[in-house]
């Protein structure tokens, strides 16, 4: 026995109105780029040397414990001095 598939139809008021309010793919991309630019500017401020030093000082004051990698707060400044360019690039790319 063959069953016919039926498509459900939803009664929509003001049919066609949603189409006028939809953004084109291009407009959506522009909106996403705008949000990304704000995030980029925020991360650029986060990785400024003064902010990084202030964050490290705050962690020391709070007697921060080692992270997942086991690195202590005392080991962190030396690591950042040796690897800051790479860590900064990862943070700015959102991949750290």
N, C-alpha and C. Protein backbone atom coordinates (compact mmCIF):
# COMPACT_ATOMS: atom_id res chain seq x y z
N UNK A 1 0.83 -1.17 0.00
CA UNK A 1 0.00 0.00 0.00
C UNK A 1 0.88 1.25 0.00
N UNK A 2 0.61 2.18 -0.85
CA UNK A 2 1.40 3.41 -1.03
C UNK A 2 0.75 4.53 -0.23
N UNK A 3 1.56 5.16 0.63
CA UNK A 3 1.03 6.29 1.41
C UNK A 3 1.44 7.58 0.74
N UNK A 4 0.52 8.47 0.65
CA UNK A 4 0.84 9.79 0.13
C UNK A 4 1.37 10.64 1.27
N UNK A 5 2.45 11.33 1.01
CA UNK A 5 2.94 12.24 2.05
C UNK A 5 2.18 13.55 1.91
N UNK A 6 1.84 14.10 3.03
CA UNK A 6 1.12 15.38 3.01
C UNK A 6 1.99 16.44 3.68
N UNK A 7 2.04 17.56 3.07
CA UNK A 7 2.76 18.68 3.64
C UNK A 7 1.80 19.48 4.50
N UNK A 8 2.22 19.78 5.71
CA UNK A 8 1.38 20.58 6.59
C UNK A 8 1.46 22.04 6.19
N UNK A 9 0.37 22.69 6.19
CA UNK A 9 0.35 24.11 5.89
C UNK A 9 -0.09 24.86 7.13
N UNK A 10 0.64 25.88 7.45
CA UNK A 10 0.30 26.70 8.61
C UNK A 10 -0.41 27.95 8.12
N UNK A 11 -1.52 28.27 8.73
CA UNK A 11 -2.20 29.51 8.33
C UNK A 11 -1.39 30.71 8.79
N UNK A 12 -0.96 31.52 7.86
CA UNK A 12 -0.16 32.69 8.19
C UNK A 12 -0.95 33.95 7.93
N UNK A 13 -0.96 34.80 8.94
CA UNK A 13 -1.60 36.09 8.75
C UNK A 13 -0.59 37.00 8.05
N UNK A 14 -1.09 37.93 7.30
CA UNK A 14 -0.23 38.89 6.61
C UNK A 14 0.82 38.18 5.75
N UNK A 15 0.37 37.17 5.04
CA UNK A 15 1.28 36.41 4.20
C UNK A 15 2.08 37.35 3.31
N UNK A 16 3.36 37.17 3.26
CA UNK A 16 4.23 38.00 2.44
C UNK A 16 4.94 39.08 3.22
N UNK A 17 4.44 39.43 4.39
CA UNK A 17 5.07 40.48 5.18
C UNK A 17 6.47 40.06 5.63
N UNK A 18 6.62 38.80 6.02
CA UNK A 18 7.92 38.33 6.48
C UNK A 18 8.97 38.46 5.38
N UNK A 19 8.57 38.24 4.16
CA UNK A 19 9.53 38.33 3.07
C UNK A 19 10.06 39.75 2.92
N UNK A 20 9.23 40.73 3.18
CA UNK A 20 9.69 42.11 3.05
C UNK A 20 10.67 42.47 4.16
N UNK A 21 10.55 41.82 5.32
CA UNK A 21 11.40 42.15 6.45
C UNK A 21 12.67 41.31 6.51
N UNK A 22 12.80 40.30 5.67
CA UNK A 22 13.98 39.47 5.71
C UNK A 22 15.18 40.23 5.18
N UNK A 23 16.32 39.94 5.74
CA UNK A 23 17.56 40.54 5.25
C UNK A 23 18.11 39.67 4.15
N UNK A 24 18.78 40.29 3.23
CA UNK A 24 19.45 39.52 2.20
C UNK A 24 20.70 38.91 2.82
N UNK A 25 21.27 37.92 2.16
CA UNK A 25 22.50 37.32 2.65
C UNK A 25 23.60 38.34 2.80
N UNK A 26 23.63 39.32 1.92
CA UNK A 26 24.65 40.35 1.97
C UNK A 26 24.48 41.21 3.21
N UNK A 27 23.25 41.59 3.53
CA UNK A 27 23.01 42.42 4.71
C UNK A 27 23.35 41.66 5.98
N UNK A 28 23.05 40.38 6.02
CA UNK A 28 23.36 39.58 7.20
C UNK A 28 24.87 39.51 7.40
N UNK A 29 25.60 39.34 6.31
CA UNK A 29 27.06 39.30 6.41
C UNK A 29 27.59 40.62 6.94
N UNK A 30 27.05 41.72 6.49
CA UNK A 30 27.49 43.03 6.97
C UNK A 30 27.22 43.16 8.46
N UNK A 31 26.07 42.67 8.92
CA UNK A 31 25.75 42.73 10.35
C UNK A 31 26.72 41.87 11.15
N UNK A 32 27.04 40.70 10.65
CA UNK A 32 27.98 39.83 11.34
C UNK A 32 29.36 40.46 11.38
N UNK A 33 29.79 41.09 10.28
CA UNK A 33 31.08 41.75 10.25
C UNK A 33 31.14 42.87 11.27
N UNK A 34 30.03 43.58 11.45
CA UNK A 34 29.97 44.66 12.42
C UNK A 34 30.17 44.13 13.84
N UNK A 35 29.51 43.02 14.16
CA UNK A 35 29.68 42.41 15.49
C UNK A 35 31.10 41.92 15.66
N UNK A 36 31.67 41.33 14.63
CA UNK A 36 33.03 40.82 14.69
C UNK A 36 34.02 41.96 14.92
N UNK A 37 33.79 43.09 14.28
CA UNK A 37 34.69 44.24 14.44
C UNK A 37 34.69 44.71 15.89
N UNK A 38 33.52 44.72 16.54
CA UNK A 38 33.45 45.10 17.94
C UNK A 38 34.20 44.14 18.82
N UNK A 39 34.10 42.86 18.52
CA UNK A 39 34.83 41.84 19.28
C UNK A 39 36.32 42.00 19.06
N UNK A 40 36.73 42.28 17.83
CA UNK A 40 38.14 42.48 17.53
C UNK A 40 38.71 43.65 18.32
N UNK A 41 37.96 44.76 18.36
CA UNK A 41 38.44 45.93 19.10
C UNK A 41 38.54 45.62 20.59
N UNK A 42 37.59 44.87 21.11
CA UNK A 42 37.63 44.51 22.53
C UNK A 42 38.86 43.65 22.83
N UNK A 43 39.11 42.65 21.99
CA UNK A 43 40.26 41.78 22.22
C UNK A 43 41.58 42.54 22.06
N UNK A 44 41.61 43.50 21.14
CA UNK A 44 42.83 44.31 21.01
C UNK A 44 43.10 45.07 22.30
N UNK A 45 42.05 45.56 22.95
CA UNK A 45 42.22 46.25 24.23
C UNK A 45 42.65 45.26 25.32
N UNK A 46 42.08 44.06 25.29
CA UNK A 46 42.42 43.04 26.30
C UNK A 46 43.90 42.70 26.25
N UNK A 47 44.48 42.59 25.06
CA UNK A 47 45.87 42.15 24.94
C UNK A 47 46.88 43.29 24.99
N UNK A 48 46.42 44.51 25.26
CA UNK A 48 47.38 45.60 25.44
C UNK A 48 48.24 45.27 26.66
N UNK A 49 49.53 45.57 26.58
CA UNK A 49 50.45 45.20 27.67
C UNK A 49 49.98 45.64 29.06
N UNK A 50 49.46 46.85 29.18
CA UNK A 50 49.01 47.33 30.49
C UNK A 50 47.88 46.48 31.06
N UNK A 51 46.96 46.05 30.20
CA UNK A 51 45.85 45.22 30.66
C UNK A 51 46.31 43.82 31.04
N UNK A 52 47.25 43.28 30.28
CA UNK A 52 47.78 41.95 30.58
C UNK A 52 48.51 41.98 31.92
N UNK A 53 49.33 43.00 32.14
CA UNK A 53 50.05 43.12 33.41
C UNK A 53 49.10 43.30 34.58
N UNK A 54 48.04 44.11 34.37
CA UNK A 54 47.05 44.32 35.43
C UNK A 54 46.33 43.01 35.75
N UNK A 55 46.02 42.22 34.73
CA UNK A 55 45.35 40.94 34.95
C UNK A 55 46.26 39.98 35.71
N UNK A 56 47.52 39.94 35.32
CA UNK A 56 48.47 39.07 36.02
C UNK A 56 48.61 39.48 37.48
N UNK A 57 48.69 40.79 37.73
CA UNK A 57 48.79 41.28 39.11
C UNK A 57 47.54 40.88 39.91
N UNK A 58 46.39 40.97 39.29
CA UNK A 58 45.13 40.60 39.96
C UNK A 58 45.11 39.12 40.33
N UNK A 59 45.59 38.29 39.41
CA UNK A 59 45.64 36.84 39.68
C UNK A 59 46.59 36.56 40.84
N UNK A 60 47.73 37.26 40.86
CA UNK A 60 48.67 37.08 41.97
C UNK A 60 48.04 37.50 43.30
N UNK A 61 47.35 38.65 43.30
CA UNK A 61 46.70 39.13 44.53
C UNK A 61 45.65 38.15 45.02
N UNK A 62 44.97 37.50 44.09
CA UNK A 62 43.93 36.53 44.45
C UNK A 62 44.50 35.15 44.73
N UNK A 63 45.83 35.03 44.69
CA UNK A 63 46.52 33.77 44.91
C UNK A 63 45.96 32.69 43.98
N UNK A 64 45.94 33.03 42.69
CA UNK A 64 45.42 32.12 41.67
C UNK A 64 46.15 30.79 41.67
N UNK A 65 45.43 29.75 41.36
CA UNK A 65 46.02 28.42 41.32
C UNK A 65 46.43 28.07 39.89
N UNK A 66 47.25 27.05 39.72
CA UNK A 66 47.68 26.66 38.38
C UNK A 66 46.51 26.34 37.47
N UNK A 67 46.72 26.56 36.19
CA UNK A 67 45.69 26.25 35.21
C UNK A 67 45.71 24.78 34.84
N UNK A 68 44.95 24.43 33.82
CA UNK A 68 44.88 23.04 33.36
C UNK A 68 46.25 22.50 32.98
N UNK A 69 47.11 23.37 32.47
CA UNK A 69 48.43 22.94 32.04
C UNK A 69 49.41 22.80 33.19
N UNK A 70 48.97 23.17 34.41
CA UNK A 70 49.82 23.04 35.58
C UNK A 70 50.75 24.22 35.78
N UNK A 71 50.70 25.22 34.91
CA UNK A 71 51.58 26.38 35.03
C UNK A 71 51.14 27.25 36.20
N UNK A 72 52.08 27.59 37.06
CA UNK A 72 51.76 28.42 38.21
C UNK A 72 51.79 29.89 37.81
N UNK A 73 51.26 30.73 38.70
CA UNK A 73 51.26 32.17 38.47
C UNK A 73 52.69 32.69 38.39
N UNK A 74 53.58 32.12 39.16
CA UNK A 74 54.98 32.56 39.13
C UNK A 74 55.68 32.19 37.82
N UNK A 75 55.26 31.11 37.18
CA UNK A 75 55.86 30.68 35.91
C UNK A 75 55.30 31.48 34.71
N UNK A 76 54.13 32.03 34.87
CA UNK A 76 53.44 32.67 33.76
C UNK A 76 54.19 33.85 33.14
N UNK A 77 54.76 34.79 33.92
CA UNK A 77 55.46 35.92 33.30
C UNK A 77 56.59 35.49 32.37
N UNK A 78 57.37 34.52 32.78
CA UNK A 78 58.46 34.03 31.93
C UNK A 78 57.94 33.40 30.65
N UNK A 79 56.85 32.64 30.77
CA UNK A 79 56.25 32.01 29.60
C UNK A 79 55.71 33.06 28.64
N UNK A 80 55.03 34.05 29.19
CA UNK A 80 54.48 35.11 28.33
C UNK A 80 55.59 35.92 27.67
N UNK A 81 56.67 36.15 28.38
CA UNK A 81 57.79 36.90 27.79
C UNK A 81 58.36 36.14 26.60
N UNK A 82 58.44 34.83 26.71
CA UNK A 82 59.02 34.02 25.64
C UNK A 82 58.04 33.76 24.49
N UNK A 83 56.74 33.73 24.79
CA UNK A 83 55.76 33.30 23.79
C UNK A 83 54.64 34.31 23.54
N UNK A 84 54.83 35.56 23.96
CA UNK A 84 53.73 36.53 23.89
C UNK A 84 53.19 36.73 22.49
N UNK A 85 54.05 36.82 21.50
CA UNK A 85 53.58 37.06 20.13
C UNK A 85 52.61 35.96 19.68
N UNK A 86 52.93 34.72 19.99
CA UNK A 86 52.08 33.60 19.61
C UNK A 86 50.78 33.60 20.40
N UNK A 87 50.88 33.78 21.72
CA UNK A 87 49.68 33.81 22.56
C UNK A 87 48.76 34.95 22.13
N UNK A 88 49.32 36.11 21.88
CA UNK A 88 48.54 37.28 21.45
C UNK A 88 47.82 36.99 20.13
N UNK A 89 48.53 36.39 19.19
CA UNK A 89 47.93 36.07 17.89
C UNK A 89 46.76 35.10 18.07
N UNK A 90 46.93 34.09 18.92
CA UNK A 90 45.84 33.14 19.18
C UNK A 90 44.64 33.83 19.82
N UNK A 91 44.91 34.71 20.78
CA UNK A 91 43.81 35.43 21.45
C UNK A 91 43.05 36.30 20.45
N UNK A 92 43.78 37.01 19.61
CA UNK A 92 43.12 37.89 18.64
C UNK A 92 42.37 37.10 17.58
N UNK A 93 42.83 35.90 17.28
CA UNK A 93 42.14 35.06 16.30
C UNK A 93 40.97 34.29 16.92
N UNK A 94 40.89 34.31 18.25
CA UNK A 94 39.81 33.58 18.93
C UNK A 94 40.06 32.09 18.97
N UNK A 95 41.31 31.68 18.89
CA UNK A 95 41.63 30.25 18.86
C UNK A 95 42.43 29.79 20.06
N UNK A 96 42.64 30.63 21.07
CA UNK A 96 43.44 30.23 22.23
C UNK A 96 42.61 29.42 23.17
